[in-house]
N, C-alpha and C. Protein backbone atom coordinates (compact mmCIF):
# COMPACT_ATOMS: atom_id res chain seq x y z
N MET A 1 0.82 -1.20 0.07
CA MET A 1 -0.01 -0.03 -0.01
C MET A 1 0.89 1.26 0.01
N LYS A 2 1.85 1.27 0.97
CA LYS A 2 2.67 2.35 0.92
C LYS A 2 3.54 2.77 -0.45
N ARG A 3 3.98 1.78 -1.14
CA ARG A 3 4.53 1.86 -2.42
C ARG A 3 3.56 2.44 -3.46
N ALA A 4 2.33 2.10 -3.46
CA ALA A 4 1.19 2.53 -4.25
C ALA A 4 0.94 4.10 -4.00
N VAL A 5 1.20 4.40 -2.81
CA VAL A 5 0.88 5.76 -2.47
C VAL A 5 2.04 6.70 -2.90
N GLU A 6 3.24 6.17 -2.70
CA GLU A 6 4.38 6.94 -3.02
C GLU A 6 4.44 7.12 -4.59
N LYS A 7 3.92 6.32 -5.51
CA LYS A 7 4.00 6.64 -6.84
C LYS A 7 3.22 7.77 -7.32
N HIS A 8 2.23 8.15 -6.38
CA HIS A 8 1.43 9.40 -6.55
C HIS A 8 1.76 10.66 -6.15
N LEU A 9 3.13 10.69 -5.20
CA LEU A 9 3.45 11.75 -4.62
C LEU A 9 4.27 12.56 -5.61
N THR A 10 4.02 14.02 -5.41
CA THR A 10 4.80 15.02 -6.31
C THR A 10 6.38 14.89 -6.03
N LEU A 11 7.23 15.46 -6.87
CA LEU A 11 8.48 15.53 -6.40
C LEU A 11 8.69 16.17 -5.13
N ARG A 12 8.15 17.29 -4.88
CA ARG A 12 8.23 18.01 -3.62
C ARG A 12 7.88 17.30 -2.59
N GLU A 13 6.79 16.66 -2.69
CA GLU A 13 6.19 15.86 -1.52
C GLU A 13 7.27 14.51 -1.28
N ARG A 14 7.83 14.02 -2.34
CA ARG A 14 8.88 12.99 -2.08
C ARG A 14 10.04 13.53 -1.31
N ILE A 15 10.44 14.79 -1.65
CA ILE A 15 11.58 15.46 -0.82
C ILE A 15 11.21 15.57 0.56
N LEU A 16 9.93 16.12 0.85
CA LEU A 16 9.36 16.31 2.12
C LEU A 16 9.44 15.02 2.86
N GLU A 17 8.91 13.98 2.30
CA GLU A 17 8.70 12.57 3.03
C GLU A 17 10.13 12.12 3.32
N THR A 18 11.07 12.34 2.28
CA THR A 18 12.38 11.54 2.67
C THR A 18 13.19 12.31 3.82
N ILE A 19 13.02 13.48 3.90
CA ILE A 19 13.58 14.20 4.98
C ILE A 19 13.01 13.89 6.31
N ARG A 20 11.56 13.92 6.29
CA ARG A 20 10.74 13.62 7.57
C ARG A 20 11.14 12.40 8.05
N ASP A 21 11.09 11.41 7.12
CA ASP A 21 11.39 9.83 7.48
C ASP A 21 12.81 9.76 8.13
N ALA A 22 13.71 10.46 7.52
CA ALA A 22 15.24 10.42 7.78
C ALA A 22 15.39 11.01 9.39
N ILE A 23 14.46 12.05 9.55
CA ILE A 23 14.65 12.63 11.01
C ILE A 23 13.89 11.64 12.01
N MET A 24 12.73 11.34 11.74
CA MET A 24 11.86 10.72 12.66
C MET A 24 12.36 9.14 12.96
N SER A 25 13.20 8.70 11.99
CA SER A 25 13.97 7.33 12.02
C SER A 25 15.29 7.56 13.00
N GLY A 26 15.64 8.76 12.97
CA GLY A 26 16.99 8.89 13.57
C GLY A 26 18.24 8.80 12.70
N ALA A 27 17.94 8.71 11.38
CA ALA A 27 18.90 8.91 10.40
C ALA A 27 19.60 10.03 10.34
N LEU A 28 18.82 11.32 10.45
CA LEU A 28 19.39 12.49 10.76
C LEU A 28 18.96 12.82 12.19
N ARG A 29 19.98 13.37 12.75
CA ARG A 29 19.83 13.64 14.31
C ARG A 29 19.97 15.09 14.62
N PRO A 30 19.33 15.46 15.80
CA PRO A 30 19.42 16.86 15.97
C PRO A 30 20.72 17.69 16.00
N GLY A 31 20.59 18.84 15.35
CA GLY A 31 22.00 19.58 15.01
C GLY A 31 22.72 19.09 13.68
N GLU A 32 22.22 18.06 13.11
CA GLU A 32 22.89 17.59 12.10
C GLU A 32 22.57 18.34 10.75
N LYS A 33 23.45 18.81 9.83
CA LYS A 33 23.21 19.42 8.73
C LYS A 33 22.48 18.47 7.57
N VAL A 34 21.45 19.14 6.94
CA VAL A 34 20.85 18.45 5.75
C VAL A 34 21.38 18.87 4.56
N ALA A 35 22.16 18.13 3.74
CA ALA A 35 22.89 18.58 2.61
C ALA A 35 22.04 18.80 1.45
N GLU A 36 22.04 20.10 1.00
CA GLU A 36 21.46 20.28 -0.46
C GLU A 36 21.92 19.54 -1.52
N PRO A 37 23.32 19.55 -1.80
CA PRO A 37 24.00 18.81 -2.88
C PRO A 37 23.47 17.34 -3.03
N GLU A 38 23.50 16.75 -1.71
CA GLU A 38 23.13 15.33 -1.93
C GLU A 38 21.78 15.05 -2.46
N LEU A 39 20.85 15.85 -1.82
CA LEU A 39 19.42 15.80 -2.19
C LEU A 39 19.22 16.11 -3.58
N ALA A 40 19.94 17.17 -4.16
CA ALA A 40 20.04 17.60 -5.53
C ALA A 40 20.23 16.46 -6.50
N ALA A 41 21.38 15.67 -6.04
CA ALA A 41 21.82 14.48 -6.90
C ALA A 41 21.03 13.50 -6.78
N ARG A 42 20.44 13.23 -5.61
CA ARG A 42 19.55 12.06 -5.52
C ARG A 42 18.34 12.22 -6.38
N PHE A 43 17.70 13.42 -6.32
CA PHE A 43 16.36 13.63 -7.07
C PHE A 43 16.63 14.29 -8.57
N GLY A 44 17.88 14.50 -8.80
CA GLY A 44 18.19 15.12 -10.25
C GLY A 44 17.50 16.28 -10.55
N ILE A 45 17.50 17.23 -9.43
CA ILE A 45 16.95 18.52 -9.64
C ILE A 45 17.83 19.72 -9.14
N SER A 46 17.37 20.93 -9.38
CA SER A 46 18.27 22.02 -8.79
C SER A 46 17.88 22.22 -7.42
N ARG A 47 18.59 23.17 -6.81
CA ARG A 47 18.48 23.46 -5.36
C ARG A 47 17.23 24.22 -4.85
N THR A 48 16.59 24.88 -6.04
CA THR A 48 15.55 25.71 -5.76
C THR A 48 14.37 24.92 -4.97
N PRO A 49 13.84 23.85 -5.71
CA PRO A 49 12.70 23.03 -5.02
C PRO A 49 13.02 22.45 -3.60
N ILE A 50 14.43 22.07 -3.38
CA ILE A 50 14.81 21.63 -2.08
C ILE A 50 14.78 22.81 -1.10
N ARG A 51 15.21 23.97 -1.59
CA ARG A 51 15.08 25.05 -0.53
C ARG A 51 13.56 25.42 -0.15
N GLU A 52 12.83 25.23 -0.98
CA GLU A 52 11.26 25.31 -0.81
C GLU A 52 10.84 24.31 0.09
N ALA A 53 11.37 23.32 0.06
CA ALA A 53 10.86 22.04 0.81
C ALA A 53 11.55 22.27 2.21
N PHE A 54 12.67 22.99 2.46
CA PHE A 54 13.38 23.27 3.70
C PHE A 54 12.44 24.37 4.39
N ARG A 55 12.01 25.11 3.63
CA ARG A 55 11.16 26.25 4.25
C ARG A 55 9.87 25.75 4.78
N GLN A 56 9.26 24.63 4.03
CA GLN A 56 8.02 23.95 4.44
C GLN A 56 8.37 23.07 5.83
N LEU A 57 9.58 22.53 5.72
CA LEU A 57 9.82 21.63 6.98
C LEU A 57 10.26 22.42 8.26
N GLU A 58 10.72 23.59 7.96
CA GLU A 58 11.14 24.48 9.05
C GLU A 58 9.77 24.87 9.63
N SER A 59 8.78 25.28 8.81
CA SER A 59 7.40 25.59 9.42
C SER A 59 6.82 24.54 10.22
N GLU A 60 7.16 23.08 9.97
CA GLU A 60 6.58 22.12 10.68
C GLU A 60 7.52 21.67 11.88
N GLY A 61 8.64 22.27 12.27
CA GLY A 61 9.43 21.93 13.34
C GLY A 61 10.40 20.95 13.07
N TYR A 62 10.76 20.64 11.75
CA TYR A 62 11.67 19.53 11.46
C TYR A 62 13.02 20.07 11.43
N LEU A 63 13.18 21.34 10.79
CA LEU A 63 14.25 21.97 10.43
C LEU A 63 14.58 23.29 10.95
N THR A 64 15.83 23.86 11.01
CA THR A 64 16.15 25.23 11.44
C THR A 64 17.03 25.64 10.33
N VAL A 65 16.60 26.61 9.61
CA VAL A 65 17.36 27.18 8.49
C VAL A 65 18.12 28.47 8.89
N ILE A 66 19.57 28.26 8.75
CA ILE A 66 20.25 29.31 9.18
C ILE A 66 20.92 30.19 8.09
N PRO A 67 20.78 31.27 7.65
CA PRO A 67 21.40 32.10 6.58
C PRO A 67 22.97 31.76 6.55
N ARG A 68 23.38 31.40 5.18
CA ARG A 68 24.62 31.22 4.96
C ARG A 68 25.34 29.80 5.59
N LYS A 69 24.55 29.12 6.34
CA LYS A 69 25.02 27.89 6.97
C LYS A 69 24.13 26.68 6.45
N GLY A 70 22.85 26.98 6.16
CA GLY A 70 22.06 25.93 5.50
C GLY A 70 21.15 25.42 6.64
N ALA A 71 20.51 24.25 6.29
CA ALA A 71 19.51 23.72 7.11
C ALA A 71 19.90 22.57 8.23
N LEU A 72 19.62 22.89 9.41
CA LEU A 72 19.88 21.68 10.44
C LEU A 72 18.78 21.13 10.97
N VAL A 73 18.73 19.95 11.45
CA VAL A 73 17.59 19.30 12.06
C VAL A 73 17.50 19.91 13.45
N ALA A 74 16.26 20.38 13.52
CA ALA A 74 15.77 21.15 14.94
C ALA A 74 15.94 20.13 16.11
N ALA A 75 16.01 20.93 17.21
CA ALA A 75 16.25 20.08 18.45
C ALA A 75 15.18 20.69 19.30
N PHE A 76 14.46 19.71 19.97
CA PHE A 76 13.48 20.22 21.01
C PHE A 76 13.93 19.83 22.44
N SER A 77 13.75 20.60 23.45
CA SER A 77 14.00 20.41 24.86
C SER A 77 12.68 19.97 25.46
N ALA A 78 12.94 19.23 26.56
CA ALA A 78 11.61 18.81 27.30
C ALA A 78 10.89 20.24 27.63
N LYS A 79 11.40 21.31 27.96
CA LYS A 79 10.92 22.65 28.13
C LYS A 79 9.87 22.85 26.93
N ASP A 80 10.40 22.80 25.71
CA ASP A 80 9.78 23.07 24.51
C ASP A 80 8.39 22.11 24.43
N VAL A 81 8.61 20.95 24.74
CA VAL A 81 7.43 20.03 24.70
C VAL A 81 6.48 20.29 25.69
N GLU A 82 6.80 20.57 26.94
CA GLU A 82 6.01 20.83 27.93
C GLU A 82 5.03 22.17 27.76
N GLU A 83 5.93 23.25 27.21
CA GLU A 83 5.18 24.46 26.89
C GLU A 83 4.20 24.29 25.76
N PHE A 84 4.48 23.57 24.64
CA PHE A 84 3.72 23.45 23.53
C PHE A 84 2.34 22.57 23.85
N TYR A 85 2.40 21.51 24.74
CA TYR A 85 1.34 20.87 25.02
C TYR A 85 0.59 21.46 26.11
N ALA A 86 0.94 22.28 26.76
CA ALA A 86 0.39 23.10 27.89
C ALA A 86 -0.57 24.10 27.28
N ILE A 87 -0.12 24.85 26.09
CA ILE A 87 -0.81 25.82 25.40
C ILE A 87 -1.96 25.14 24.62
N LYS A 88 -1.35 23.85 23.81
CA LYS A 88 -2.40 23.14 23.10
C LYS A 88 -3.62 22.71 23.87
N SER A 89 -3.30 22.23 25.11
CA SER A 89 -4.43 21.72 25.88
C SER A 89 -5.47 22.94 26.34
N ILE A 90 -4.85 24.00 26.52
CA ILE A 90 -5.61 25.19 26.99
C ILE A 90 -6.60 25.54 25.79
N LEU A 91 -5.92 25.86 24.62
CA LEU A 91 -6.80 26.22 23.58
C LEU A 91 -7.62 25.32 22.94
N GLU A 92 -7.25 23.92 22.75
CA GLU A 92 -8.15 23.04 22.40
C GLU A 92 -9.30 22.67 23.37
N GLY A 93 -8.99 22.65 24.68
CA GLY A 93 -10.00 22.35 25.68
C GLY A 93 -10.92 23.61 25.54
N TYR A 94 -10.68 24.91 25.60
CA TYR A 94 -11.67 25.95 25.43
C TYR A 94 -12.51 25.75 24.20
N ALA A 95 -11.93 25.29 22.97
CA ALA A 95 -12.65 25.14 21.80
C ALA A 95 -13.69 24.07 22.10
N ALA A 96 -13.25 22.97 22.52
CA ALA A 96 -14.26 21.96 22.96
C ALA A 96 -15.43 22.31 23.80
N ARG A 97 -15.13 23.23 24.80
CA ARG A 97 -16.18 23.62 25.67
C ARG A 97 -17.28 24.58 24.76
N LYS A 98 -16.63 25.40 23.92
CA LYS A 98 -17.37 26.29 23.36
C LYS A 98 -18.26 25.44 22.06
N ALA A 99 -17.79 24.40 21.55
CA ALA A 99 -18.32 23.70 20.56
C ALA A 99 -19.29 22.72 21.13
N CYS A 100 -19.29 22.44 22.28
CA CYS A 100 -20.17 21.27 23.03
C CYS A 100 -21.69 21.78 22.68
N SER A 101 -22.13 23.09 22.84
CA SER A 101 -23.36 23.30 22.53
C SER A 101 -23.85 23.81 21.08
N ARG A 102 -22.76 23.94 20.37
CA ARG A 102 -22.95 24.14 18.86
C ARG A 102 -22.97 22.95 17.79
N LEU A 103 -22.26 22.05 18.29
CA LEU A 103 -22.10 20.86 17.33
C LEU A 103 -23.49 20.35 17.05
N SER A 104 -23.65 20.11 16.00
CA SER A 104 -24.99 19.38 15.53
C SER A 104 -24.87 17.74 15.74
N THR A 105 -26.13 17.14 15.87
CA THR A 105 -26.00 15.83 15.91
C THR A 105 -25.28 15.18 14.83
N LYS A 106 -25.46 15.59 13.64
CA LYS A 106 -24.71 15.19 12.44
C LYS A 106 -23.17 15.26 12.47
N GLU A 107 -22.72 16.44 13.14
CA GLU A 107 -21.42 16.56 13.22
C GLU A 107 -20.90 15.53 14.20
N ILE A 108 -21.42 15.42 15.36
CA ILE A 108 -21.04 14.42 16.27
C ILE A 108 -20.94 13.17 15.73
N ASP A 109 -21.93 12.68 14.80
CA ASP A 109 -21.90 11.50 14.18
C ASP A 109 -20.76 11.42 13.27
N ARG A 110 -20.34 12.47 12.59
CA ARG A 110 -19.19 12.57 11.77
C ARG A 110 -17.87 12.39 12.69
N LEU A 111 -17.90 12.94 13.97
CA LEU A 111 -16.80 12.65 14.58
C LEU A 111 -16.65 11.17 15.05
N GLU A 112 -17.71 10.57 15.15
CA GLU A 112 -17.73 9.24 15.66
C GLU A 112 -17.30 8.31 14.28
N GLY A 113 -17.70 8.74 13.30
CA GLY A 113 -17.21 7.99 11.91
C GLY A 113 -15.78 8.07 11.74
N ILE A 114 -15.16 9.38 11.94
CA ILE A 114 -13.77 9.65 11.84
C ILE A 114 -12.95 8.67 12.81
N ASN A 115 -13.52 8.57 14.09
CA ASN A 115 -12.98 7.80 14.99
C ASN A 115 -12.84 6.27 14.86
N GLU A 116 -14.04 5.75 13.91
CA GLU A 116 -13.98 4.48 13.70
C GLU A 116 -13.03 4.12 12.60
N LYS A 117 -12.74 5.27 11.81
CA LYS A 117 -11.72 5.00 10.85
C LYS A 117 -10.40 5.03 11.44
N LEU A 118 -10.10 5.94 12.55
CA LEU A 118 -8.82 5.94 13.39
C LEU A 118 -8.69 4.38 13.82
N ARG A 119 -9.73 3.88 14.42
CA ARG A 119 -9.54 2.49 14.80
C ARG A 119 -8.89 1.67 13.93
N GLU A 120 -9.44 1.54 12.78
CA GLU A 120 -8.95 0.65 11.72
C GLU A 120 -7.67 0.94 11.21
N ILE A 121 -7.21 2.30 11.26
CA ILE A 121 -5.85 2.61 10.74
C ILE A 121 -4.92 2.24 11.93
N ALA A 122 -5.35 2.39 13.12
CA ALA A 122 -4.48 2.22 14.53
C ALA A 122 -4.23 0.62 14.41
N ILE A 123 -5.10 -0.23 13.93
CA ILE A 123 -4.80 -1.73 13.81
C ILE A 123 -3.80 -2.02 12.81
N GLU A 124 -4.04 -1.11 11.73
CA GLU A 124 -3.07 -1.29 10.62
C GLU A 124 -1.46 -0.94 10.84
N GLY A 125 -1.57 0.01 11.99
CA GLY A 125 -0.19 0.51 12.32
C GLY A 125 0.33 1.66 11.52
N ASP A 126 -0.47 2.27 10.58
CA ASP A 126 0.07 3.22 9.74
C ASP A 126 -0.01 4.61 10.36
N VAL A 127 0.99 5.18 11.01
CA VAL A 127 1.21 6.31 11.88
C VAL A 127 0.78 7.61 11.06
N ARG A 128 1.35 7.77 9.87
CA ARG A 128 1.24 8.84 9.01
C ARG A 128 -0.27 9.01 8.60
N HIS A 129 -0.83 7.89 8.32
CA HIS A 129 -2.17 8.00 7.88
C HIS A 129 -3.19 8.39 8.91
N PHE A 130 -2.85 7.75 10.09
CA PHE A 130 -3.59 8.01 11.41
C PHE A 130 -3.36 9.54 11.73
N PHE A 131 -2.06 10.03 11.60
CA PHE A 131 -1.94 11.38 11.88
C PHE A 131 -2.94 12.37 10.91
N LYS A 132 -3.00 12.20 9.82
CA LYS A 132 -3.88 12.91 8.98
C LYS A 132 -5.28 12.91 9.30
N VAL A 133 -5.76 11.78 9.65
CA VAL A 133 -7.23 11.59 9.92
C VAL A 133 -7.40 12.06 11.31
N HIS A 134 -6.53 11.91 12.22
CA HIS A 134 -6.55 12.48 13.70
C HIS A 134 -6.71 13.87 13.54
N ASN A 135 -5.96 14.69 12.55
CA ASN A 135 -6.11 16.22 12.50
C ASN A 135 -7.52 16.52 12.09
N ASN A 136 -8.25 15.76 11.28
CA ASN A 136 -9.54 15.92 10.94
C ASN A 136 -10.56 15.77 12.12
N PHE A 137 -10.34 14.95 12.86
CA PHE A 137 -11.14 14.94 14.11
C PHE A 137 -11.13 16.21 15.02
N HIS A 138 -9.84 16.61 15.41
CA HIS A 138 -9.81 17.61 16.10
C HIS A 138 -10.26 18.94 15.45
N ASP A 139 -9.85 19.10 14.16
CA ASP A 139 -10.29 20.23 13.32
C ASP A 139 -11.79 20.40 13.27
N LEU A 140 -12.54 19.27 13.12
CA LEU A 140 -13.99 19.36 13.25
C LEU A 140 -14.58 20.15 14.44
N PHE A 141 -14.27 19.63 15.70
CA PHE A 141 -14.92 20.25 16.78
C PHE A 141 -14.31 21.72 17.13
N ILE A 142 -12.97 21.88 16.63
CA ILE A 142 -12.39 23.08 16.82
C ILE A 142 -13.07 24.35 15.99
N ARG A 143 -13.57 23.94 14.74
CA ARG A 143 -14.21 24.71 13.73
C ARG A 143 -15.66 24.79 14.48
N GLY A 144 -16.14 23.78 15.13
CA GLY A 144 -17.30 23.86 15.72
C GLY A 144 -17.60 24.84 16.83
N ALA A 145 -16.37 25.39 17.34
CA ALA A 145 -16.47 26.42 18.36
C ALA A 145 -16.95 27.73 17.85
N GLY A 146 -16.93 27.86 16.62
CA GLY A 146 -17.50 29.05 15.86
C GLY A 146 -16.45 30.31 16.18
N ASN A 147 -15.29 30.14 16.41
CA ASN A 147 -14.23 31.32 16.54
C ASN A 147 -13.06 31.09 15.52
N ASP A 148 -13.30 31.82 14.44
CA ASP A 148 -12.27 31.96 13.44
C ASP A 148 -10.78 32.06 13.89
N LYS A 149 -10.68 33.18 14.80
CA LYS A 149 -9.47 33.39 15.37
C LYS A 149 -8.75 32.43 16.22
N LEU A 150 -9.55 31.57 16.93
CA LEU A 150 -9.13 30.61 17.75
C LEU A 150 -8.69 29.51 16.78
N HIS A 151 -9.44 29.28 15.75
CA HIS A 151 -9.14 28.04 14.92
C HIS A 151 -7.68 28.45 14.15
N ASP A 152 -7.67 29.61 13.71
CA ASP A 152 -6.25 30.00 13.04
C ASP A 152 -5.10 29.88 13.88
N MET A 153 -5.40 30.35 15.15
CA MET A 153 -4.23 30.23 16.24
C MET A 153 -3.83 28.84 16.59
N ILE A 154 -4.69 27.90 16.72
CA ILE A 154 -4.56 26.45 17.13
C ILE A 154 -3.74 25.96 15.83
N ALA A 155 -4.35 26.33 14.51
CA ALA A 155 -3.78 25.70 13.38
C ALA A 155 -2.19 26.07 13.15
N ALA A 156 -1.97 27.32 13.50
CA ALA A 156 -0.55 27.74 13.34
C ALA A 156 0.39 27.10 14.34
N LEU A 157 -0.38 26.94 15.56
CA LEU A 157 0.44 26.22 16.67
C LEU A 157 0.78 24.89 16.32
N LEU A 158 -0.14 24.09 15.85
CA LEU A 158 -0.09 22.73 15.46
C LEU A 158 0.94 22.56 14.34
N GLN A 159 0.92 23.48 13.40
CA GLN A 159 1.74 23.25 12.26
C GLN A 159 3.17 23.43 12.71
N LYS A 160 3.48 24.53 13.38
CA LYS A 160 4.84 24.69 13.82
C LYS A 160 5.43 23.53 14.75
N PHE A 161 4.56 22.83 15.37
CA PHE A 161 4.95 21.49 16.24
C PHE A 161 4.59 20.40 15.61
N GLN A 162 4.42 20.11 14.29
CA GLN A 162 3.90 18.92 13.72
C GLN A 162 4.87 17.80 13.97
N ARG A 163 6.01 18.03 14.09
CA ARG A 163 7.06 16.91 14.31
C ARG A 163 6.78 16.15 15.68
N LEU A 164 6.46 16.96 16.76
CA LEU A 164 6.35 16.50 18.02
C LEU A 164 4.93 15.75 18.08
N ARG A 165 3.99 16.25 17.47
CA ARG A 165 2.83 15.66 17.46
C ARG A 165 2.85 14.17 16.70
N LEU A 166 3.54 13.95 15.79
CA LEU A 166 3.65 12.84 14.89
C LEU A 166 4.61 11.86 15.92
N ALA A 167 5.67 12.42 16.56
CA ALA A 167 6.43 11.63 17.51
C ALA A 167 5.58 11.04 18.54
N SER A 168 4.64 11.67 19.11
CA SER A 168 4.00 11.35 20.07
C SER A 168 3.00 10.11 19.72
N LEU A 169 2.36 10.31 18.72
CA LEU A 169 1.47 9.24 18.12
C LEU A 169 2.24 7.99 17.63
N SER A 170 3.57 8.24 17.41
CA SER A 170 4.34 6.97 17.00
C SER A 170 4.77 6.00 18.20
N LYS A 171 4.55 6.62 19.46
CA LYS A 171 4.93 5.62 20.59
C LYS A 171 4.05 4.54 20.78
N PRO A 172 4.53 3.46 21.08
CA PRO A 172 3.76 2.07 21.09
C PRO A 172 2.42 2.14 21.81
N GLY A 173 1.29 1.83 21.30
CA GLY A 173 0.08 1.91 21.92
C GLY A 173 -0.62 3.25 22.02
N ARG A 174 0.05 4.28 21.43
CA ARG A 174 -0.40 5.61 21.62
C ARG A 174 -1.68 5.88 20.74
N MET A 175 -1.61 5.12 19.44
CA MET A 175 -2.70 5.44 18.62
C MET A 175 -4.12 4.82 19.06
N GLN A 176 -3.96 3.57 19.62
CA GLN A 176 -5.01 3.01 20.36
C GLN A 176 -5.66 3.86 21.72
N ILE A 177 -4.76 4.24 22.33
CA ILE A 177 -5.16 5.13 23.44
C ILE A 177 -5.94 6.52 22.86
N SER A 178 -5.45 6.96 21.81
CA SER A 178 -6.10 8.10 21.15
C SER A 178 -7.43 7.90 20.82
N VAL A 179 -7.73 6.76 20.20
CA VAL A 179 -9.05 6.33 19.81
C VAL A 179 -9.91 6.17 20.96
N GLU A 180 -9.41 5.57 22.11
CA GLU A 180 -10.10 5.50 23.22
C GLU A 180 -10.58 6.80 23.93
N GLU A 181 -9.58 7.84 24.06
CA GLU A 181 -9.89 9.14 24.45
C GLU A 181 -10.87 9.71 23.57
N HIS A 182 -10.87 9.56 22.29
CA HIS A 182 -11.69 10.35 21.35
C HIS A 182 -13.22 9.71 21.81
N GLU A 183 -13.35 8.54 22.03
CA GLU A 183 -14.60 7.92 22.47
C GLU A 183 -15.17 8.80 23.64
N LYS A 184 -14.52 9.05 24.65
CA LYS A 184 -15.12 9.64 25.79
C LYS A 184 -15.34 10.88 25.36
N ILE A 185 -14.62 11.86 24.61
CA ILE A 185 -14.90 13.22 24.29
C ILE A 185 -16.05 13.08 23.29
N ILE A 186 -16.39 12.13 22.65
CA ILE A 186 -17.64 12.10 21.70
C ILE A 186 -18.86 11.95 22.53
N GLU A 187 -18.61 11.15 23.68
CA GLU A 187 -19.78 10.99 24.65
C GLU A 187 -20.03 12.12 25.42
N ALA A 188 -19.23 12.94 25.66
CA ALA A 188 -19.28 14.27 26.27
C ALA A 188 -20.05 15.32 25.50
N PHE A 189 -19.69 15.18 24.25
CA PHE A 189 -20.44 16.15 23.32
C PHE A 189 -21.83 15.62 23.13
N ARG A 190 -22.10 14.37 23.24
CA ARG A 190 -23.51 13.89 22.95
C ARG A 190 -24.27 14.32 24.15
N LYS A 191 -23.68 14.22 25.49
CA LYS A 191 -24.41 14.65 26.56
C LYS A 191 -24.36 16.20 26.79
N ARG A 192 -23.87 16.88 25.84
CA ARG A 192 -23.74 18.44 25.89
C ARG A 192 -23.15 18.90 27.02
N ASP A 193 -22.09 18.03 27.83
CA ASP A 193 -21.37 18.24 28.99
C ASP A 193 -20.17 19.13 28.60
N ALA A 194 -20.08 20.53 28.59
CA ALA A 194 -19.11 21.39 28.25
C ALA A 194 -17.92 21.13 29.18
N VAL A 195 -18.17 21.17 30.47
CA VAL A 195 -17.16 21.00 31.33
C VAL A 195 -16.24 19.67 31.10
N LEU A 196 -16.99 18.65 30.94
CA LEU A 196 -16.35 17.30 30.82
C LEU A 196 -15.54 17.33 29.56
N ALA A 197 -16.25 17.78 28.42
CA ALA A 197 -15.49 17.86 27.20
C ALA A 197 -14.25 18.57 27.24
N GLU A 198 -14.35 19.79 27.93
CA GLU A 198 -13.02 20.62 28.01
C GLU A 198 -11.93 19.78 28.70
N MET A 199 -12.20 19.11 29.91
CA MET A 199 -11.48 18.26 30.68
C MET A 199 -10.85 17.07 29.87
N LEU A 200 -11.41 16.56 29.29
CA LEU A 200 -11.00 15.31 28.43
C LEU A 200 -10.14 15.75 27.34
N VAL A 201 -10.29 16.87 26.56
CA VAL A 201 -9.57 17.28 25.47
C VAL A 201 -8.21 17.78 26.04
N GLN A 202 -8.33 18.41 27.21
CA GLN A 202 -7.12 19.06 27.88
C GLN A 202 -6.27 17.67 28.47
N LYS A 203 -6.94 16.66 28.90
CA LYS A 203 -6.27 15.54 29.32
C LYS A 203 -5.59 14.71 28.14
N ASN A 204 -6.21 14.81 27.02
CA ASN A 204 -5.75 14.15 25.79
C ASN A 204 -4.47 14.83 25.19
N ALA A 205 -4.58 16.13 25.31
CA ALA A 205 -3.32 16.98 24.90
C ALA A 205 -2.24 16.65 25.91
N GLU A 206 -2.64 16.77 27.16
CA GLU A 206 -1.56 16.80 28.22
C GLU A 206 -0.68 15.39 28.02
N TYR A 207 -1.52 14.19 27.81
CA TYR A 207 -0.97 12.85 27.70
C TYR A 207 -0.02 12.83 26.52
N GLY A 208 -0.33 13.50 25.39
CA GLY A 208 0.58 13.32 24.32
C GLY A 208 1.91 14.05 24.57
N GLY A 209 1.86 15.00 25.49
CA GLY A 209 3.17 15.59 25.80
C GLY A 209 3.93 14.67 26.85
N LYS A 210 3.22 14.03 27.66
CA LYS A 210 3.75 13.33 28.88
C LYS A 210 4.51 12.09 28.14
N VAL A 211 4.03 11.60 27.23
CA VAL A 211 4.72 10.27 26.65
C VAL A 211 6.21 10.66 26.16
N LEU A 212 6.23 11.92 25.50
CA LEU A 212 7.49 12.36 25.06
C LEU A 212 8.46 12.79 26.13
N ILE A 213 8.01 13.47 27.20
CA ILE A 213 8.78 13.93 28.26
C ILE A 213 9.29 12.66 28.92
N GLU A 214 8.38 11.65 29.26
CA GLU A 214 8.94 10.55 29.97
C GLU A 214 10.13 9.87 29.45
N GLU A 215 9.87 9.86 27.87
CA GLU A 215 10.96 9.08 27.01
C GLU A 215 12.21 10.02 27.12
N ASP A 216 12.11 11.34 27.17
CA ASP A 216 13.40 12.10 27.21
C ASP A 216 14.04 11.84 28.65
N ARG A 217 13.26 11.67 29.70
CA ARG A 217 13.72 11.43 31.03
C ARG A 217 14.71 10.19 31.05
N ILE A 218 14.02 9.03 30.40
CA ILE A 218 14.82 7.70 30.38
C ILE A 218 15.88 7.96 29.61
N SER A 219 15.96 8.74 28.47
CA SER A 219 17.09 8.94 27.51
C SER A 219 18.12 9.71 28.47
N ALA A 220 17.70 10.64 29.05
CA ALA A 220 18.64 11.56 29.93
C ALA A 220 19.46 10.66 30.87
N SER A 221 18.96 9.65 31.49
CA SER A 221 19.72 8.83 32.41
C SER A 221 20.64 7.94 31.62
N ASN A 222 20.60 7.93 30.29
CA ASN A 222 21.71 7.13 29.54
C ASN A 222 22.44 7.96 28.72
N ALA A 223 22.17 9.25 28.47
CA ALA A 223 22.99 9.98 27.73
C ALA A 223 23.38 11.31 28.45
N SER A 224 24.30 12.09 27.80
CA SER A 224 24.72 13.49 28.61
C SER A 224 24.18 14.61 27.88
N TYR A 225 23.33 14.56 26.52
CA TYR A 225 22.94 15.52 25.99
C TYR A 225 21.59 16.01 26.30
N PRO A 226 21.01 17.23 26.36
CA PRO A 226 19.93 17.56 26.80
C PRO A 226 18.63 17.72 25.93
N GLU A 227 19.03 17.59 24.75
CA GLU A 227 18.07 17.71 23.81
C GLU A 227 17.27 16.56 23.52
N MET A 228 15.92 16.56 23.02
CA MET A 228 15.26 15.50 22.68
C MET A 228 15.40 14.82 21.31
N ASP A 229 15.65 13.66 21.18
CA ASP A 229 15.90 13.02 19.85
C ASP A 229 14.50 12.73 19.17
N LEU A 230 13.98 13.66 18.56
CA LEU A 230 12.57 13.23 18.01
C LEU A 230 12.61 13.27 16.44
């Protein structure tokens, strides 16, 4: 299935996926330079589309582009993770509380349908597909809050820390747990319990950060560097 999908990727998408995969697998480590010449030779293209891909990956938190030095794999500390998920939990929790009375029965049914799809993908173990559909679940109720500025603010935050979110969902059992958490959130929406919906969404976000921070603490006991290898 993966090979069939890859055939339909554009050149730009293939460059993006190649770098993302190298970073997520650890083939490229925090602080390591991503060489333009090697990528240009590999794909048989000029450096212009590669630099465009670098800008996209920088916006997603994978790279840090430094003038006259090039692109380096971004490093995140435990503090970065904690701060991101704290803000995410507050904003998404507020969105869930506001959406609780606004979501139609049809929209809540859609949330349930999306979560059933996530359940199937979790069994297959396709983290990237899960990540995309997972975004649809959260985007539906965030839009349901009826606050465009809140939606844009959350979208910008999630885009910047996409790498952390994908890393969290990649942890063993995390996709299944996410599906179970979504079930509780959907039930809170059906009951129109705004306080419970907010609490569950906040808990969902906080747990996403917890699994990364716990991993960092374990790594810190076996290594001297303070950055998280995500």
